[in-house]
Amino acid sequence: MVRVIVRRGRADWPILFAAWLLLACSTSLVTAAATYSESVALGGFRSMIRASAPAKTAIRVYAVVPGPSMAAAEKAVAPLLDDSFGPAGTTSRIATSDSLSLAGADASDITHQIIVGSYDAIEAHAGLTAGRWAKPGAATTEATLSTSAAAALGLSVGDRVGLSSKLEPSRRMEIVIVGLWEPSREDRYWLGSGLELTGVASAGTSITRGPFVVAAADLPTLAGKASLNVEWRWLPDIESIQPRKPTGSAPHSPRCATESWQPIRTHPFRRVFRTY
């Protein structure tokens, strides 16, 4: 019986070879189809992010943090964002003061509010048009302004500006303008923020101008005992997004990245911010 089968196989080898070739091609076709389908889905997901408003594709975490606790808050929050959303993005911290007034202005006048802040890696997202970037630790705190904010306030490089807190008028500070910059308006870093891109923001009858951007190390000193409004922005690196099966509580796939608000918004950050 075995000899008969072997002989038959030898006689029909063209048919057997063709059948094997058809099976191999079918397997390759299924694999290629799956890969193509995954590639199309990923491309569509990336296109959806590009077409969306920047603020809708970022993960934003807010906190009101006392100036002296700024470093501890950064150490606690930034790693949580990185661990939760993986390597397909970057985290930037933006911290701003409470509402300030120009020296001599009526503290109750909400049409003349000033904001001072620090912006992680701002030099990578804006270009200098005059002067230089602010350096920490100067005798008079150094600051930069967007060209739009400078125009709205009538300021230029070299000007010294006195500021006082609207909440504590006795708390005063002085800064010197060392540079002017123009934001990269298409950069998702800015999330389409009106104040940061145009230098002026209105809300009802309130008008805010700025921000005066200082070095991160100088902001807590300017704030004193007052609290800072801190925002951590996690921005996806669109080209780095790759499909991956989620494991544990560290979602890295495109699908998970859009559905991970609930775990990130509740337990981990509540535990961190109870401290402040």
Protein backbone atom coordinates (compact mmCIF):
# COMPACT_ATOMS: atom_id res chain seq x y z
CA MET A 1 0.00 0.00 0.00
CA VAL A 2 2.81 2.45 0.92
CA ARG A 3 4.59 1.73 -2.36
CA VAL A 4 1.42 2.41 -4.30
CA ILE A 5 0.96 5.79 -2.55
CA VAL A 6 4.59 6.75 -3.09
CA ARG A 7 4.45 5.79 -6.75
CA ARG A 8 1.21 7.69 -7.17
CA GLY A 9 2.75 10.69 -5.47
CA ARG A 10 5.73 10.60 -7.80
CA ALA A 11 3.49 10.36 -10.78
CA ASP A 12 1.28 13.26 -9.63
CA TRP A 13 4.06 15.55 -8.31
CA PRO A 14 3.05 18.46 -10.56
CA ILE A 15 -0.43 18.38 -9.03
CA LEU A 16 0.93 18.11 -5.47
CA PHE A 17 3.38 20.95 -6.07
CA ALA A 18 0.61 23.13 -7.46
CA ALA A 19 -1.57 22.38 -4.43
CA TRP A 20 1.28 23.24 -2.05
CA LEU A 21 1.96 26.46 -3.95
CA LEU A 22 -1.73 27.42 -3.79
CA LEU A 23 -1.79 26.79 -0.02
CA ALA A 24 1.35 28.89 0.51
CA CYS A 25 -0.02 31.73 -1.58
CA SER A 26 -3.33 31.63 0.30
CA THR A 27 -1.53 31.83 3.65
CA SER A 28 0.60 34.74 2.45
CA LEU A 29 -2.49 36.49 1.10
CA VAL A 30 -4.30 36.20 4.44
CA THR A 31 -1.24 37.55 6.27
CA ALA A 32 -0.83 40.39 3.78
CA ALA A 33 -4.53 41.23 4.04
CA ALA A 34 -4.30 41.40 7.84
CA THR A 35 -1.19 43.59 7.67
CA TYR A 36 -2.79 45.85 5.07
CA SER A 37 -5.95 46.16 7.13
CA GLU A 38 -3.92 47.08 10.23
CA SER A 39 -1.90 49.61 8.23
CA VAL A 40 -5.06 51.23 6.84
CA ALA A 41 -6.63 51.40 10.31
CA LEU A 42 -3.49 52.95 11.81
CA GLY A 43 -3.21 55.44 8.96
CA GLY A 44 -6.83 56.41 9.43
CA PHE A 45 -6.32 56.86 13.16
CA ARG A 46 -3.30 59.11 12.61
CA SER A 47 -5.22 61.15 10.04
CA MET A 48 -8.08 61.56 12.50
CA ILE A 49 -5.68 62.98 15.12
CA ARG A 50 -4.10 65.37 12.60
CA ALA A 51 -7.54 66.64 11.57
CA SER A 52 -8.75 67.12 15.14
CA ALA A 53 -8.39 70.31 17.16
CA PRO A 54 -5.17 70.03 19.20
CA ALA A 55 -7.00 70.47 22.51
CA LYS A 56 -9.14 67.41 21.72
CA THR A 57 -6.16 65.10 21.23
CA ALA A 58 -4.19 66.07 24.34
CA ILE A 59 -4.44 64.67 27.83
CA ARG A 60 -4.54 67.60 30.27
CA VAL A 61 -4.11 67.40 34.03
CA TYR A 62 -4.78 70.48 36.13
CA ALA A 63 -3.87 71.34 39.71
CA VAL A 64 -3.56 74.36 41.97
CA VAL A 65 -0.20 73.94 43.66
CA PRO A 66 1.50 76.15 46.26
CA GLY A 67 4.71 77.62 44.85
CA PRO A 68 7.00 75.81 47.31
CA SER A 69 5.43 72.44 46.33
CA MET A 70 5.98 72.87 42.59
CA ALA A 71 9.00 70.57 42.32
CA ALA A 72 7.31 67.80 44.33
CA ALA A 73 4.18 68.01 42.18
CA GLU A 74 6.21 67.74 38.98
CA LYS A 75 8.09 64.72 40.31
CA ALA A 76 4.82 62.99 41.17
CA VAL A 77 2.65 63.78 38.14
CA ALA A 78 4.91 63.67 35.05
CA PRO A 79 5.96 60.01 35.57
CA LEU A 80 2.30 59.00 35.99
CA LEU A 81 1.44 60.47 32.60
CA ASP A 82 4.45 58.88 30.93
CA ASP A 83 3.76 55.48 32.50
CA SER A 84 0.05 55.61 31.70
CA PHE A 85 0.28 56.61 28.04
CA GLY A 86 3.59 55.13 26.99
CA PRO A 87 6.32 56.46 24.72
CA ALA A 88 4.04 57.69 21.91
CA GLY A 89 3.96 61.25 23.21
CA THR A 90 5.58 63.89 25.39
CA THR A 91 4.56 65.66 28.58
CA SER A 92 5.00 69.42 29.01
CA ARG A 93 4.29 71.48 32.11
CA ILE A 94 2.76 74.96 31.97
CA ALA A 95 2.47 76.89 35.23
CA THR A 96 0.88 80.34 35.57
CA SER A 97 0.39 82.87 38.34
CA ASP A 98 -2.84 84.23 39.71
CA SER A 99 -4.14 87.46 38.16
CA LEU A 100 -1.71 90.36 38.42
CA SER A 101 -1.94 94.08 37.72
CA LEU A 102 0.56 96.49 36.27
CA ALA A 103 2.05 98.67 39.00
CA GLY A 104 -0.21 101.63 39.69
CA ALA A 105 -3.28 100.07 38.06
CA ASP A 106 -6.53 99.57 39.93
CA ALA A 107 -6.42 96.01 41.32
CA SER A 108 -10.20 95.71 40.93
CA ASP A 109 -10.10 96.51 37.20
CA ILE A 110 -10.69 93.14 35.50
CA THR A 111 -10.07 94.62 32.05
CA HIS A 112 -6.35 94.86 32.80
CA GLN A 113 -5.26 91.45 34.06
CA ILE A 114 -1.72 90.15 33.62
CA ILE A 115 -0.45 86.57 33.71
CA VAL A 116 3.12 85.39 34.39
CA GLY A 117 4.04 81.78 33.61
CA SER A 118 6.67 79.21 32.74
CA TYR A 119 6.45 76.96 29.68
CA ASP A 120 8.49 73.79 29.29
CA ALA A 121 10.78 73.88 26.24
CA ILE A 122 9.14 77.02 24.85
CA GLU A 123 12.19 77.65 22.67
CA ALA A 124 11.27 74.53 20.65
CA HIS A 125 7.79 75.87 19.93
CA ALA A 126 8.40 79.57 19.33
CA GLY A 127 11.01 81.68 17.57
CA LEU A 128 12.74 84.74 18.98
CA THR A 129 12.13 87.97 17.08
CA ALA A 130 14.23 90.15 19.40
CA GLY A 131 16.54 89.68 22.39
CA ARG A 132 17.04 86.30 24.06
CA TRP A 133 15.28 83.77 26.27
CA ALA A 134 14.96 84.44 30.00
CA LYS A 135 17.60 83.01 32.33
CA PRO A 136 16.88 82.05 35.95
CA GLY A 137 18.38 83.66 39.00
CA ALA A 138 18.94 87.20 37.72
CA ALA A 139 18.85 90.08 40.22
CA THR A 140 15.72 91.33 38.44
CA THR A 141 13.59 88.46 37.18
CA GLU A 142 13.92 88.09 33.43
CA ALA A 143 10.89 87.50 31.21
CA THR A 144 9.93 87.27 27.56
CA LEU A 145 6.70 88.19 25.80
CA SER A 146 5.04 87.16 22.58
CA THR A 147 5.17 89.90 19.97
CA SER A 148 1.36 90.18 20.14
CA ALA A 149 1.34 90.59 23.93
CA ALA A 150 4.16 93.15 23.73
CA ALA A 151 2.18 95.16 21.19
CA ALA A 152 -0.96 94.99 23.34
CA LEU A 153 0.97 96.22 26.39
CA GLY A 154 3.20 98.70 24.57
CA LEU A 155 6.39 96.99 25.79
CA SER A 156 9.72 96.10 24.18
CA VAL A 157 13.06 94.53 25.07
CA GLY A 158 14.78 96.31 27.95
CA ASP A 159 11.59 97.58 29.60
CA ARG A 160 11.17 97.02 33.33
CA VAL A 161 7.67 96.21 34.49
CA GLY A 162 6.26 96.43 38.00
CA LEU A 163 3.49 93.96 38.88
CA SER A 164 1.29 93.39 41.91
CA SER A 165 -1.11 90.62 42.87
CA LYS A 166 -4.80 91.36 42.50
CA LEU A 167 -5.50 89.08 45.46
CA GLU A 168 -2.70 90.54 47.61
CA PRO A 169 -1.95 94.07 46.35
CA SER A 170 0.90 94.34 48.86
CA ARG A 171 2.74 91.53 47.04
CA ARG A 172 4.79 93.28 44.36
CA MET A 173 7.45 92.18 41.92
CA GLU A 174 9.55 93.60 39.12
CA ILE A 175 10.57 91.92 35.88
CA VAL A 176 12.66 93.00 32.91
CA ILE A 177 11.81 92.10 29.30
CA VAL A 178 14.81 90.37 27.68
CA GLY A 179 13.18 88.92 24.57
CA LEU A 180 10.18 88.81 22.24
CA TRP A 181 8.95 85.68 20.50
CA GLU A 182 6.45 84.50 17.93
CA PRO A 183 4.69 81.17 18.57
CA SER A 184 4.68 78.47 15.89
CA ARG A 185 0.96 78.79 15.30
CA GLU A 186 0.48 75.34 13.77
CA ASP A 187 2.33 73.66 16.65
CA ARG A 188 -0.01 71.43 18.66
CA TYR A 189 1.96 72.36 21.80
CA TRP A 190 -0.14 75.53 22.14
CA LEU A 191 -3.48 73.67 21.89
CA GLY A 192 -4.92 76.64 20.02
CA SER A 193 -4.84 78.80 23.17
CA GLY A 194 -6.00 82.33 22.45
CA LEU A 195 -3.87 84.02 25.11
CA GLU A 196 -0.68 82.18 24.19
CA LEU A 197 -1.13 82.71 20.45
CA THR A 198 -2.54 86.25 20.38
CA GLY A 199 -1.36 87.79 23.65
CA VAL A 200 -4.90 88.79 24.66
CA ALA A 201 -7.83 86.72 25.94
CA SER A 202 -11.34 87.89 26.82
CA ALA A 203 -13.96 86.21 28.99
CA GLY A 204 -17.07 88.33 29.39
CA THR A 205 -15.85 91.72 30.60
CA SER A 206 -12.50 90.31 31.78
CA ILE A 207 -9.44 90.92 29.59
CA THR A 208 -6.10 89.20 30.24
CA ARG A 209 -2.79 90.04 28.56
CA GLY A 210 0.44 88.05 28.49
CA PRO A 211 1.81 85.73 29.43
CA PHE A 212 5.12 87.09 30.66
CA VAL A 213 7.23 83.93 30.38
CA VAL A 214 9.91 83.44 33.03
CA ALA A 215 12.28 80.56 33.75
CA ALA A 216 10.58 77.70 35.62
CA ALA A 217 12.94 78.10 38.58
CA ASP A 218 11.91 81.76 39.02
CA LEU A 219 8.14 81.30 39.03
CA PRO A 220 7.72 79.87 42.57
CA THR A 221 9.83 82.74 43.90
CA LEU A 222 7.58 85.28 42.17
CA ALA A 223 4.49 83.49 43.48
CA GLY A 224 5.74 83.48 47.06
CA LYS A 225 3.17 81.77 49.26
CA ALA A 226 0.49 82.06 46.57
CA SER A 227 -0.58 79.03 44.59
CA LEU A 228 0.17 78.42 40.94
CA ASN A 229 -2.20 77.11 38.28
CA VAL A 230 -0.38 74.12 36.83
CA GLU A 231 -1.26 72.16 33.72
CA TRP A 232 0.49 69.07 32.44
CA ARG A 233 -0.13 68.47 28.73
CA TRP A 234 0.49 65.04 27.24
CA LEU A 235 0.65 65.39 23.46
CA PRO A 236 0.68 62.36 21.14
CA ASP A 237 3.61 61.96 18.77
CA ILE A 238 1.40 60.99 15.85
CA GLU A 239 4.03 59.16 13.82
CA SER A 240 5.18 57.14 16.85
CA ILE A 241 1.75 55.66 17.56
CA GLN A 242 1.80 51.93 16.91
CA PRO A 243 -0.86 49.28 17.59
CA ARG A 244 -0.04 47.15 20.57
CA LYS A 245 -2.10 44.82 22.69
CA PRO A 246 -2.70 46.60 26.00
CA THR A 247 -1.21 45.01 29.09
CA GLY A 248 -2.05 45.86 32.67
CA SER A 249 -2.85 49.52 33.26
CA ALA A 250 -0.35 50.99 30.78
CA PRO A 251 -2.34 51.50 27.55
CA HIS A 252 -0.12 52.14 24.54
CA SER A 253 -2.42 51.33 21.63
CA PRO A 254 -4.31 54.04 19.76
CA ARG A 255 -7.62 52.66 20.98
CA CYS A 256 -6.57 52.63 24.61
CA ALA A 257 -5.01 56.06 24.42
CA THR A 258 -8.42 57.52 23.60
CA GLU A 259 -10.24 55.57 26.29
CA SER A 260 -7.92 55.97 29.26
CA TRP A 261 -9.38 59.13 30.76
CA GLN A 262 -11.21 57.33 33.53
CA PRO A 263 -8.31 55.51 35.20
CA ILE A 264 -5.92 58.42 34.76
CA ARG A 265 -8.41 61.01 35.95
CA THR A 266 -9.38 59.31 39.15
CA HIS A 267 -7.29 57.10 41.39
CA PRO A 268 -3.62 57.88 40.63
CA PHE A 269 -3.93 61.68 40.54
CA ARG A 270 -6.32 61.89 43.46
CA ARG A 271 -3.75 60.06 45.52
CA VAL A 272 -1.01 62.48 44.40
CA PHE A 273 -2.97 65.72 44.80
CA ARG A 274 -4.23 64.92 48.27
CA THR A 275 -0.73 66.03 49.31
CA TYR A 276 -1.15 69.62 48.08
